[in-house]
Amino acid sequence: MLKEIERINRRLGRIERTVEKLAIDVEEEARSFIKHHLENAGIHVDA
């Protein structure tokens, strides 16, 4: 039983890291998209 819980904990850790990386990637992509569209509208931002 303990080995099964440890295995689940390791797997959950990997899932948590993957979700965190995906969230960061989405935030960076959104920031880039917004910056691009603002610059096309003549608004320059430092980001």
N, C-alpha and C. Protein backbone atom coordinates (compact mmCIF):
# COMPACT_ATOMS: atom_id res chain seq x y z
N MET A 1 0.83 -1.20 0.00
CA MET A 1 0.00 0.00 0.00
C MET A 1 0.87 1.26 0.00
N LEU A 2 1.91 1.28 0.82
CA LEU A 2 2.79 2.45 0.90
C LEU A 2 3.49 2.69 -0.43
N LYS A 3 3.93 1.64 -1.10
CA LYS A 3 4.60 1.79 -2.40
C LYS A 3 3.64 2.38 -3.43
N GLU A 4 2.40 1.97 -3.37
CA GLU A 4 1.40 2.49 -4.30
C GLU A 4 1.18 3.99 -4.05
N ILE A 5 1.13 4.42 -2.82
CA ILE A 5 0.96 5.84 -2.48
C ILE A 5 2.18 6.63 -2.95
N GLU A 6 3.36 6.10 -2.77
CA GLU A 6 4.58 6.77 -3.22
C GLU A 6 4.58 6.92 -4.74
N ARG A 7 4.15 5.90 -5.43
CA ARG A 7 4.08 5.95 -6.89
C ARG A 7 3.08 7.03 -7.33
N ILE A 8 1.96 7.08 -6.68
CA ILE A 8 0.94 8.08 -7.00
C ILE A 8 1.47 9.48 -6.72
N ASN A 9 2.19 9.65 -5.61
CA ASN A 9 2.76 10.95 -5.28
C ASN A 9 3.78 11.41 -6.32
N ARG A 10 4.61 10.49 -6.79
CA ARG A 10 5.59 10.84 -7.83
C ARG A 10 4.88 11.27 -9.12
N ARG A 11 3.87 10.51 -9.47
CA ARG A 11 3.13 10.82 -10.69
C ARG A 11 2.41 12.17 -10.55
N LEU A 12 1.82 12.42 -9.41
CA LEU A 12 1.15 13.69 -9.17
C LEU A 12 2.14 14.85 -9.25
N GLY A 13 3.34 14.65 -8.75
CA GLY A 13 4.37 15.69 -8.84
C GLY A 13 4.70 16.02 -10.29
N ARG A 14 4.81 15.00 -11.11
CA ARG A 14 5.09 15.22 -12.54
C ARG A 14 3.92 15.97 -13.21
N ILE A 15 2.72 15.61 -12.85
CA ILE A 15 1.54 16.28 -13.42
C ILE A 15 1.52 17.74 -12.98
N GLU A 16 1.81 18.01 -11.72
CA GLU A 16 1.83 19.38 -11.22
C GLU A 16 2.86 20.23 -11.96
N ARG A 17 4.06 19.69 -12.20
CA ARG A 17 5.10 20.42 -12.92
C ARG A 17 4.67 20.69 -14.36
N THR A 18 4.03 19.72 -14.99
CA THR A 18 3.57 19.90 -16.36
C THR A 18 2.51 20.99 -16.44
N VAL A 19 1.56 20.98 -15.54
CA VAL A 19 0.49 21.99 -15.54
C VAL A 19 1.09 23.38 -15.29
N GLU A 20 2.04 23.48 -14.39
CA GLU A 20 2.67 24.76 -14.10
C GLU A 20 3.40 25.29 -15.34
N LYS A 21 4.13 24.42 -16.03
CA LYS A 21 4.85 24.84 -17.24
C LYS A 21 3.87 25.27 -18.33
N LEU A 22 2.79 24.54 -18.49
CA LEU A 22 1.80 24.91 -19.49
C LEU A 22 1.17 26.26 -19.16
N ALA A 23 0.89 26.51 -17.90
CA ALA A 23 0.31 27.79 -17.49
C ALA A 23 1.26 28.93 -17.80
N ILE A 24 2.55 28.74 -17.53
CA ILE A 24 3.55 29.76 -17.82
C ILE A 24 3.63 30.00 -19.33
N ASP A 25 3.62 28.93 -20.11
CA ASP A 25 3.67 29.06 -21.57
C ASP A 25 2.47 29.84 -22.10
N VAL A 26 1.30 29.58 -21.56
CA VAL A 26 0.08 30.28 -21.99
C VAL A 26 0.18 31.75 -21.63
N GLU A 27 0.68 32.07 -20.43
CA GLU A 27 0.84 33.46 -20.01
C GLU A 27 1.81 34.19 -20.92
N GLU A 28 2.93 33.57 -21.25
CA GLU A 28 3.92 34.19 -22.12
C GLU A 28 3.35 34.42 -23.52
N GLU A 29 2.62 33.46 -24.03
CA GLU A 29 2.02 33.59 -25.35
C GLU A 29 0.99 34.72 -25.35
N ALA A 30 0.18 34.81 -24.32
CA ALA A 30 -0.83 35.87 -24.23
C ALA A 30 -0.16 37.24 -24.15
N ARG A 31 0.91 37.34 -23.37
CA ARG A 31 1.63 38.60 -23.24
C ARG A 31 2.19 39.04 -24.60
N SER A 32 2.77 38.09 -25.32
CA SER A 32 3.34 38.38 -26.64
C SER A 32 2.25 38.81 -27.62
N PHE A 33 1.12 38.13 -27.60
CA PHE A 33 0.00 38.43 -28.49
C PHE A 33 -0.52 39.84 -28.23
N ILE A 34 -0.73 40.16 -26.96
CA ILE A 34 -1.26 41.49 -26.60
C ILE A 34 -0.26 42.58 -26.96
N LYS A 35 1.01 42.35 -26.67
CA LYS A 35 2.03 43.34 -27.01
C LYS A 35 2.05 43.60 -28.51
N HIS A 36 2.00 42.54 -29.29
CA HIS A 36 2.01 42.67 -30.75
C HIS A 36 0.82 43.50 -31.23
N HIS A 37 -0.36 43.22 -30.72
CA HIS A 37 -1.56 43.94 -31.16
C HIS A 37 -1.56 45.38 -30.68
N LEU A 38 -1.03 45.64 -29.49
CA LEU A 38 -0.92 47.02 -29.03
C LEU A 38 0.05 47.80 -29.90
N GLU A 39 1.18 47.17 -30.25
CA GLU A 39 2.15 47.85 -31.11
C GLU A 39 1.57 48.12 -32.49
N ASN A 40 0.76 47.21 -32.99
CA ASN A 40 0.08 47.45 -34.29
C ASN A 40 -0.88 48.61 -34.20
N ALA A 41 -1.40 48.87 -32.99
CA ALA A 41 -2.31 49.99 -32.78
C ALA A 41 -1.56 51.28 -32.45
N GLY A 42 -0.21 51.21 -32.47
CA GLY A 42 0.59 52.39 -32.21
C GLY A 42 0.91 52.61 -30.75
N ILE A 43 0.64 51.63 -29.92
CA ILE A 43 0.91 51.73 -28.48
C ILE A 43 2.13 50.87 -28.17
N HIS A 44 3.20 51.50 -27.74
CA HIS A 44 4.42 50.77 -27.44
C HIS A 44 4.53 50.51 -25.93
N VAL A 45 4.81 49.28 -25.58
CA VAL A 45 4.92 48.91 -24.18
C VAL A 45 6.26 48.21 -23.94
N ASP A 46 6.76 48.32 -22.73
CA ASP A 46 7.97 47.61 -22.34
C ASP A 46 7.56 46.37 -21.55
N ALA A 47 7.71 45.24 -22.18
CA ALA A 47 7.37 43.99 -21.48
C ALA A 47 8.09 42.85 -22.11
